[in-house]
Amino acid sequence: MPNHTGTLDQVFQALADTTRRSLVERLIRGPASVSELAQPLAMSLPAVMQHLGVLEACSLVRSEKAGRVRTCRIDPEGLRLAENWIAAQRTAWEQHLDQLGEVLAEQPAAPGPPQRRSTP
């Protein structure tokens, strides 16, 4: 796997914020203007723009300006980078667990706890 450490770090840092995750979740449903994205959030438009700037810097979001309207959309490549890294980690852990299962299957069964005798 190529070394994308800086970009991958930026993606995870961007997604660590609840507001940015909610923006990404909204944009997965389709493009939206900045004002549409800001509407459900309890923050100023400049604050939303800062969050979008972070998402754009790590290639999770793209935006275009037409007149006075800035429209944002998901950039699938940024999400794919995080998805590929997570999938590689999942594969490695599954292999480790499979190996552990094989080792445990080869071990003799452990004796059970000693049985208590009932006294008459």
Protein backbone atom coordinates (compact mmCIF):
# COMPACT_ATOMS: atom_id res chain seq x y z
CA MET A 1 0.00 0.00 0.00
CA PRO A 2 1.49 3.41 -0.93
CA ASN A 3 2.42 5.72 1.92
CA HIS A 4 -0.38 8.30 2.25
CA THR A 5 0.31 8.99 5.93
CA GLY A 6 -0.06 12.77 5.83
CA THR A 7 -3.29 12.71 3.86
CA LEU A 8 -4.68 9.77 5.82
CA ASP A 9 -3.89 11.56 9.08
CA GLN A 10 -5.69 14.65 7.81
CA VAL A 11 -8.74 12.60 6.81
CA PHE A 12 -9.03 10.97 10.23
CA GLN A 13 -8.39 14.26 12.01
CA ALA A 14 -11.13 15.90 9.94
CA LEU A 15 -13.55 13.06 10.66
CA ALA A 16 -12.78 13.20 14.39
CA ASP A 17 -15.02 16.26 14.66
CA THR A 18 -18.78 15.71 15.08
CA THR A 19 -19.74 18.74 12.99
CA ARG A 20 -17.54 17.69 10.09
CA ARG A 21 -18.90 14.13 10.23
CA SER A 22 -22.44 15.52 10.07
CA LEU A 23 -21.47 17.64 7.04
CA VAL A 24 -20.02 14.56 5.32
CA GLU A 25 -23.13 12.53 6.17
CA ARG A 26 -25.33 15.24 4.67
CA LEU A 27 -23.20 15.52 1.52
CA ILE A 28 -23.30 11.76 0.96
CA ARG A 29 -27.00 12.26 0.17
CA GLY A 30 -26.07 14.77 -2.54
CA PRO A 31 -24.59 18.21 -3.24
CA ALA A 32 -25.70 21.15 -1.11
CA SER A 33 -25.00 24.85 -0.84
CA VAL A 34 -23.09 26.17 2.14
CA SER A 35 -26.23 27.87 3.45
CA GLU A 36 -28.16 24.57 3.19
CA LEU A 37 -25.38 22.83 5.11
CA ALA A 38 -25.32 25.56 7.77
CA GLN A 39 -29.09 25.65 8.31
CA PRO A 40 -29.42 22.75 10.80
CA LEU A 41 -26.20 23.66 12.65
CA ALA A 42 -26.11 25.94 15.67
CA MET A 43 -23.14 27.97 14.45
CA SER A 44 -22.30 30.94 12.27
CA LEU A 45 -21.82 30.69 8.52
CA PRO A 46 -18.09 31.54 8.84
CA ALA A 47 -17.67 28.65 11.32
CA VAL A 48 -19.34 26.26 8.86
CA MET A 49 -17.03 27.58 6.13
CA GLN A 50 -14.02 26.77 8.34
CA HIS A 51 -15.24 23.20 8.82
CA LEU A 52 -15.77 22.85 5.08
CA GLY A 53 -12.27 24.22 4.51
CA VAL A 54 -10.82 21.43 6.66
CA LEU A 55 -12.84 18.85 4.71
CA GLU A 56 -11.65 20.32 1.40
CA ALA A 57 -8.02 20.40 2.54
CA CYS A 58 -8.01 16.64 3.05
CA SER A 59 -9.98 15.94 -0.16
CA LEU A 60 -13.19 14.73 1.50
CA VAL A 61 -15.24 17.57 -0.02
CA ARG A 62 -15.08 19.63 -3.22
CA SER A 63 -16.84 22.92 -3.80
CA GLU A 64 -17.66 25.15 -6.75
CA LYS A 65 -18.85 28.71 -6.80
CA ALA A 66 -21.52 29.81 -9.27
CA GLY A 67 -22.37 33.46 -8.77
CA ARG A 68 -22.93 33.95 -5.04
CA VAL A 69 -23.67 30.29 -4.30
CA ARG A 70 -20.96 27.84 -3.24
CA THR A 71 -22.05 24.24 -3.74
CA CYS A 72 -20.27 21.39 -1.95
CA ARG A 73 -20.14 17.71 -2.80
CA ILE A 74 -18.37 14.63 -1.50
CA ASP A 75 -15.06 13.72 -3.09
CA PRO A 76 -15.22 9.91 -3.08
CA GLU A 77 -11.43 9.59 -3.38
CA GLY A 78 -10.88 11.03 0.10
CA LEU A 79 -13.35 8.61 1.65
CA ARG A 80 -11.83 5.76 -0.35
CA LEU A 81 -8.43 6.44 1.21
CA ALA A 82 -9.85 5.98 4.73
CA GLU A 83 -11.95 3.01 3.65
CA ASN A 84 -8.92 1.23 2.14
CA TRP A 85 -6.86 1.75 5.28
CA ILE A 86 -9.65 0.44 7.52
CA ALA A 87 -10.19 -2.57 5.24
CA ALA A 88 -6.47 -3.42 5.37
CA GLN A 89 -6.54 -3.27 9.18
CA ARG A 90 -9.65 -5.45 9.30
CA THR A 91 -8.00 -8.03 7.01
CA ALA A 92 -4.87 -8.12 9.18
CA TRP A 93 -6.90 -8.61 12.37
CA GLU A 94 -9.02 -11.33 10.77
CA GLN A 95 -5.84 -13.17 9.78
CA HIS A 96 -4.52 -12.89 13.34
CA LEU A 97 -7.78 -14.18 14.76
CA ASP A 98 -7.80 -17.08 12.28
CA GLN A 99 -4.27 -18.00 13.35
CA LEU A 100 -5.28 -17.79 17.01
CA GLY A 101 -8.27 -20.03 16.30
CA GLU A 102 -5.99 -22.60 14.67
CA VAL A 103 -3.61 -22.58 17.65
CA LEU A 104 -6.47 -22.95 20.11
CA ALA A 105 -7.99 -25.80 18.10
CA GLU A 106 -4.68 -27.69 18.34
CA GLN A 107 -4.52 -27.32 22.15
CA PRO A 108 -5.87 -30.15 24.32
CA ALA A 109 -9.09 -29.30 26.10
CA ALA A 110 -8.48 -27.65 29.45
CA PRO A 111 -9.79 -29.56 32.45
CA GLY A 112 -12.99 -28.17 33.90
CA PRO A 113 -13.26 -26.79 37.42
CA PRO A 114 -13.05 -29.38 40.18
CA GLN A 115 -16.39 -30.94 41.06
CA ARG A 116 -17.75 -30.28 44.52
CA ARG A 117 -18.95 -33.21 46.52
CA SER A 118 -22.15 -32.78 48.32
CA THR A 119 -22.07 -33.73 51.97
CA PRO A 120 -24.96 -35.79 53.38
